[in-house]
């Protein structure tokens, strides 16, 4: 009985060892990244064609180099005994391609011959550092003067002051379309059924729509520049916030 038990245990261990998948540090396909990866082939060729470079990266070579120089100390990784890290330039390229195309992490991983999780980590880190680096200069926190100028533009250019149709001062408000619920801080259009019966409501809706178009046009420009905004952003909420802030800068 003892021998039979020992044989049974050995067979079980053998079966378990056969069922376990072999883990590899780098997939065989990704080992050819330096020779066949998109960064090491196509991106190198694009340097000789400024128009194609701009289409691919959504920016000129000069601006790319300026951005890269700013990010080098923040996104560089140390070389270890295990492997050589992905260069800062390639990390920036992967992030920009994600913003420019909106392709999935897996699609970009295949193109650049890196791991899917590697792409996700690069996108999150580089977007965060783009925001940290560029935000103070290109998107500083609004001051009181900034808000005053914004209100003046809506009041004089778009005829949508914060006190529409009354001389009594009221708080400033956000504006939204029919998809938003009416709030004390957010104004939405009057329902069409009631607006058609009241000229004042019709005029209000027209002015609100015209004022809201400023934001919609800005988003349209952003989406044409960074086409990730033309499709659902497939990532966690925190990374999505980093992506939006980086693209804005």
Protein backbone atom coordinates (compact mmCIF):
# COMPACT_ATOMS: atom_id res chain seq x y z
CA UNK A 1 0.00 0.00 0.00
CA UNK A 2 2.86 2.37 0.82
CA UNK A 3 4.45 1.89 -2.60
CA UNK A 4 1.13 2.50 -4.35
CA UNK A 5 0.67 5.71 -2.36
CA UNK A 6 4.14 6.93 -3.27
CA UNK A 7 3.56 6.19 -6.95
CA UNK A 8 0.25 8.05 -6.80
CA UNK A 9 1.87 11.13 -5.28
CA UNK A 10 4.61 11.09 -7.91
CA UNK A 11 2.07 10.84 -10.71
CA UNK A 12 0.08 13.74 -9.23
CA UNK A 13 3.18 15.93 -8.96
CA UNK A 14 4.12 15.07 -12.54
CA UNK A 15 0.65 15.95 -13.79
CA UNK A 16 0.70 19.27 -11.94
CA UNK A 17 4.11 20.14 -13.33
CA UNK A 18 2.94 19.37 -16.85
CA UNK A 19 -0.19 21.48 -16.46
CA UNK A 20 1.64 24.57 -15.30
CA UNK A 21 2.48 26.99 -18.07
CA UNK A 22 6.08 27.91 -18.49
CA UNK A 23 6.64 31.54 -17.55
CA UNK A 24 9.10 33.56 -19.57
CA UNK A 25 10.63 36.91 -18.74
CA UNK A 26 10.43 38.22 -22.33
CA UNK A 27 8.40 36.62 -25.11
CA UNK A 28 10.37 35.40 -28.11
CA UNK A 29 8.55 37.88 -30.36
CA UNK A 30 9.44 40.80 -28.09
CA UNK A 31 13.09 39.77 -28.05
CA UNK A 32 13.26 41.05 -31.63
CA UNK A 33 12.10 44.55 -30.60
CA UNK A 34 15.41 46.24 -31.37
CA UNK A 35 15.36 44.81 -34.90
CA UNK A 36 11.68 44.68 -35.87
CA UNK A 37 9.80 46.88 -33.38
CA UNK A 38 7.92 49.88 -34.76
CA UNK A 39 10.10 52.34 -32.88
CA UNK A 40 13.35 50.90 -34.19
CA UNK A 41 12.18 50.71 -37.80
CA UNK A 42 9.30 52.97 -38.84
CA UNK A 43 10.00 55.75 -36.33
CA UNK A 44 13.61 55.98 -37.46
CA UNK A 45 12.49 56.35 -41.07
CA UNK A 46 9.98 59.05 -40.20
CA UNK A 47 12.81 61.33 -39.08
CA UNK A 48 13.62 61.88 -42.77
CA UNK A 49 10.05 62.89 -43.66
CA UNK A 50 8.76 65.83 -41.65
CA UNK A 51 5.20 65.64 -42.98
CA UNK A 52 4.85 61.96 -42.13
CA UNK A 53 6.53 62.56 -38.78
CA UNK A 54 3.93 65.19 -37.90
CA UNK A 55 1.07 62.91 -38.93
CA UNK A 56 2.44 60.07 -36.84
CA UNK A 57 3.38 62.00 -33.69
CA UNK A 58 0.86 64.89 -34.01
CA UNK A 59 3.74 67.32 -33.55
CA UNK A 60 6.88 68.46 -35.34
CA UNK A 61 10.30 66.97 -34.71
CA UNK A 62 11.40 70.17 -33.00
CA UNK A 63 8.52 70.06 -30.53
CA UNK A 64 9.05 66.34 -29.97
CA UNK A 65 12.69 66.92 -29.06
CA UNK A 66 11.78 69.80 -26.74
CA UNK A 67 9.21 67.67 -24.95
CA UNK A 68 11.59 64.73 -24.73
CA UNK A 69 14.36 66.88 -23.25
CA UNK A 70 11.97 68.08 -20.54
CA UNK A 71 10.87 64.55 -19.67
CA UNK A 72 14.20 62.71 -19.74
CA UNK A 73 15.03 63.05 -16.03
CA UNK A 74 11.48 62.08 -15.05
CA UNK A 75 10.83 58.99 -17.17
CA UNK A 76 14.28 57.41 -17.43
CA UNK A 77 14.90 53.99 -15.86
CA UNK A 78 18.11 52.47 -14.50
CA UNK A 79 19.82 49.57 -16.23
CA UNK A 80 19.89 46.44 -14.07
CA UNK A 81 21.57 43.05 -14.21
CA UNK A 82 18.30 41.58 -15.47
CA UNK A 83 17.64 43.73 -18.51
CA UNK A 84 18.16 47.05 -20.29
CA UNK A 85 15.22 49.43 -19.81
CA UNK A 86 13.15 50.89 -22.61
CA UNK A 87 14.69 54.22 -23.59
CA UNK A 88 13.05 57.52 -22.66
CA UNK A 89 12.53 58.33 -26.33
CA UNK A 90 10.71 55.07 -27.02
CA UNK A 91 8.61 55.49 -23.89
CA UNK A 92 7.49 58.91 -25.09
CA UNK A 93 6.74 57.53 -28.56
CA UNK A 94 4.54 54.76 -27.14
CA UNK A 95 2.60 57.28 -25.07
CA UNK A 96 2.11 59.68 -27.98
CA UNK A 97 0.90 56.87 -30.26
CA UNK A 98 -1.67 55.90 -27.67
CA UNK A 99 -2.94 59.48 -27.53
CA UNK A 100 -2.77 59.93 -31.29
CA UNK A 101 -4.64 56.73 -32.20
CA UNK A 102 -6.63 55.55 -29.22
CA UNK A 103 -5.56 52.00 -30.08
CA UNK A 104 -5.71 49.42 -27.30
CA UNK A 105 -2.68 48.69 -25.16
CA UNK A 106 -2.52 45.24 -26.78
CA UNK A 107 -2.43 46.66 -30.32
CA UNK A 108 0.37 49.06 -29.46
CA UNK A 109 2.19 46.29 -27.59
CA UNK A 110 2.23 44.14 -30.74
CA UNK A 111 3.47 47.04 -32.88
CA UNK A 112 6.32 47.97 -30.57
CA UNK A 113 6.99 44.38 -29.47
CA UNK A 114 6.63 45.03 -25.75
CA UNK A 115 4.28 43.61 -23.13
CA UNK A 116 0.70 44.84 -22.84
CA UNK A 117 1.19 45.69 -19.17
CA UNK A 118 4.37 47.54 -20.15
CA UNK A 119 2.37 49.80 -22.47
CA UNK A 120 -0.17 50.47 -19.73
CA UNK A 121 2.55 51.41 -17.26
CA UNK A 122 4.32 53.65 -19.77
CA UNK A 123 1.13 55.50 -20.74
CA UNK A 124 0.20 56.17 -17.13
CA UNK A 125 3.66 57.32 -16.06
CA UNK A 126 4.48 59.45 -19.10
CA UNK A 127 1.05 61.15 -19.11
CA UNK A 128 1.45 61.97 -15.44
CA UNK A 129 4.89 63.48 -16.02
CA UNK A 130 3.71 65.45 -19.07
CA UNK A 131 1.10 67.07 -16.83
CA UNK A 132 3.53 67.70 -13.97
CA UNK A 133 6.05 69.25 -16.36
CA UNK A 134 3.85 71.34 -18.67
CA UNK A 135 0.90 72.28 -16.47
CA UNK A 136 2.55 75.16 -14.58
CA UNK A 137 3.40 76.96 -17.83
CA UNK A 138 0.70 75.93 -20.30
CA UNK A 139 -2.32 75.30 -18.07
CA UNK A 140 -1.77 77.20 -14.80
CA UNK A 141 -4.45 77.27 -12.14
CA UNK A 142 -6.97 80.02 -13.00
CA UNK A 143 -6.71 83.26 -11.08
CA UNK A 144 -9.53 85.66 -10.26
CA UNK A 145 -8.50 87.73 -13.29
CA UNK A 146 -8.76 84.62 -15.50
CA UNK A 147 -12.34 84.01 -14.40
CA UNK A 148 -13.21 87.69 -14.87
CA UNK A 149 -11.92 87.63 -18.46
CA UNK A 150 -13.80 84.40 -19.14
CA UNK A 151 -17.04 85.88 -17.85
CA UNK A 152 -16.45 89.01 -19.91
CA UNK A 153 -16.02 86.95 -23.07
CA UNK A 154 -19.27 85.07 -22.54
CA UNK A 155 -21.09 88.28 -21.67
CA UNK A 156 -19.84 90.46 -24.53
CA UNK A 157 -19.06 87.99 -27.33
CA UNK A 158 -21.69 85.30 -26.80
CA UNK A 159 -24.37 87.41 -25.09
CA UNK A 160 -24.63 84.97 -22.23
CA UNK A 161 -23.95 86.85 -18.99
CA UNK A 162 -24.29 85.07 -15.70
CA UNK A 163 -27.51 87.07 -15.08
CA UNK A 164 -29.49 86.45 -18.28
CA UNK A 165 -32.74 88.32 -18.58
CA UNK A 166 -32.50 90.12 -15.24
CA UNK A 167 -30.73 93.04 -13.68
CA UNK A 168 -30.46 91.29 -10.34
CA UNK A 169 -27.03 89.70 -9.80
CA UNK A 170 -27.03 85.91 -9.60
CA UNK A 171 -24.17 83.41 -9.14
CA UNK A 172 -22.10 82.31 -12.11
CA UNK A 173 -23.18 79.01 -13.62
CA UNK A 174 -21.97 76.13 -15.74
CA UNK A 175 -23.84 75.45 -18.96
CA UNK A 176 -24.90 72.10 -20.35
CA UNK A 177 -27.21 70.48 -22.90
CA UNK A 178 -30.43 68.53 -22.43
CA UNK A 179 -28.53 65.57 -21.04
CA UNK A 180 -27.81 67.40 -17.79
CA UNK A 181 -30.21 67.87 -14.91
CA UNK A 182 -31.06 71.43 -13.91
CA UNK A 183 -29.05 72.51 -10.85
CA UNK A 184 -28.58 75.71 -8.91
CA UNK A 185 -25.07 75.93 -10.42
CA UNK A 186 -25.84 74.52 -13.90
CA UNK A 187 -28.18 75.92 -16.55
CA UNK A 188 -29.60 73.72 -19.30
CA UNK A 189 -31.99 74.62 -22.16
CA UNK A 190 -35.71 74.91 -21.59
CA UNK A 191 -37.65 71.89 -22.92
CA UNK A 192 -38.47 72.39 -26.59
CA UNK A 193 -42.20 72.07 -26.02
CA UNK A 194 -42.27 75.02 -23.63
CA UNK A 195 -39.63 77.03 -25.52
CA UNK A 196 -41.71 77.11 -28.71
CA UNK A 197 -44.51 78.83 -26.81
CA UNK A 198 -42.31 81.49 -25.21
CA UNK A 199 -40.05 83.82 -27.19
CA UNK A 200 -37.90 84.57 -24.14
CA UNK A 201 -37.19 80.88 -23.60
CA UNK A 202 -36.37 80.47 -27.28
CA UNK A 203 -33.86 83.33 -27.09
CA UNK A 204 -32.35 81.88 -23.91
CA UNK A 205 -31.91 78.47 -25.54
CA UNK A 206 -30.27 80.04 -28.57
CA UNK A 207 -27.79 81.98 -26.49
CA UNK A 208 -27.00 79.03 -24.25
CA UNK A 209 -26.38 76.82 -27.28
CA UNK A 210 -24.08 79.43 -28.81
CA UNK A 211 -22.11 79.79 -25.58
CA UNK A 212 -21.85 76.02 -25.12
CA UNK A 213 -20.47 75.68 -28.63
CA UNK A 214 -17.20 77.25 -27.46
CA UNK A 215 -16.51 74.19 -25.33
CA UNK A 216 -17.71 71.77 -28.02
CA UNK A 217 -15.44 73.38 -30.61
CA UNK A 218 -12.48 73.18 -28.24
CA UNK A 219 -13.16 69.50 -27.63
CA UNK A 220 -13.49 68.94 -31.39
CA UNK A 221 -10.05 70.43 -31.95
CA UNK A 222 -8.61 68.31 -29.14
CA UNK A 223 -10.18 65.14 -30.54
CA UNK A 224 -8.78 65.78 -34.02
CA UNK A 225 -5.32 66.29 -32.53
CA UNK A 226 -5.47 63.33 -30.15
CA UNK A 227 -7.84 60.78 -31.61
CA UNK A 228 -8.10 58.80 -28.41
CA UNK A 229 -11.08 61.07 -27.66
CA UNK A 230 -12.98 59.72 -30.67
CA UNK A 231 -13.54 56.38 -28.93
CA UNK A 232 -14.06 55.07 -25.41
CA UNK A 233 -10.88 55.36 -23.33
CA UNK A 234 -10.08 51.79 -22.32
CA UNK A 235 -8.25 52.21 -19.03
CA UNK A 236 -8.92 52.71 -15.35
CA UNK A 237 -10.34 56.00 -14.10
CA UNK A 238 -7.09 57.33 -12.62
CA UNK A 239 -5.17 56.69 -15.84
CA UNK A 240 -8.01 58.23 -17.85
CA UNK A 241 -7.65 61.43 -15.82
CA UNK A 242 -3.89 61.46 -16.47
CA UNK A 243 -4.50 60.95 -20.21
CA UNK A 244 -6.98 63.84 -20.42
CA UNK A 245 -4.75 66.24 -18.50
CA UNK A 246 -1.66 65.32 -20.56
CA UNK A 247 -3.51 65.75 -23.86
CA UNK A 248 -4.79 69.13 -22.72
CA UNK A 249 -1.27 70.34 -22.01
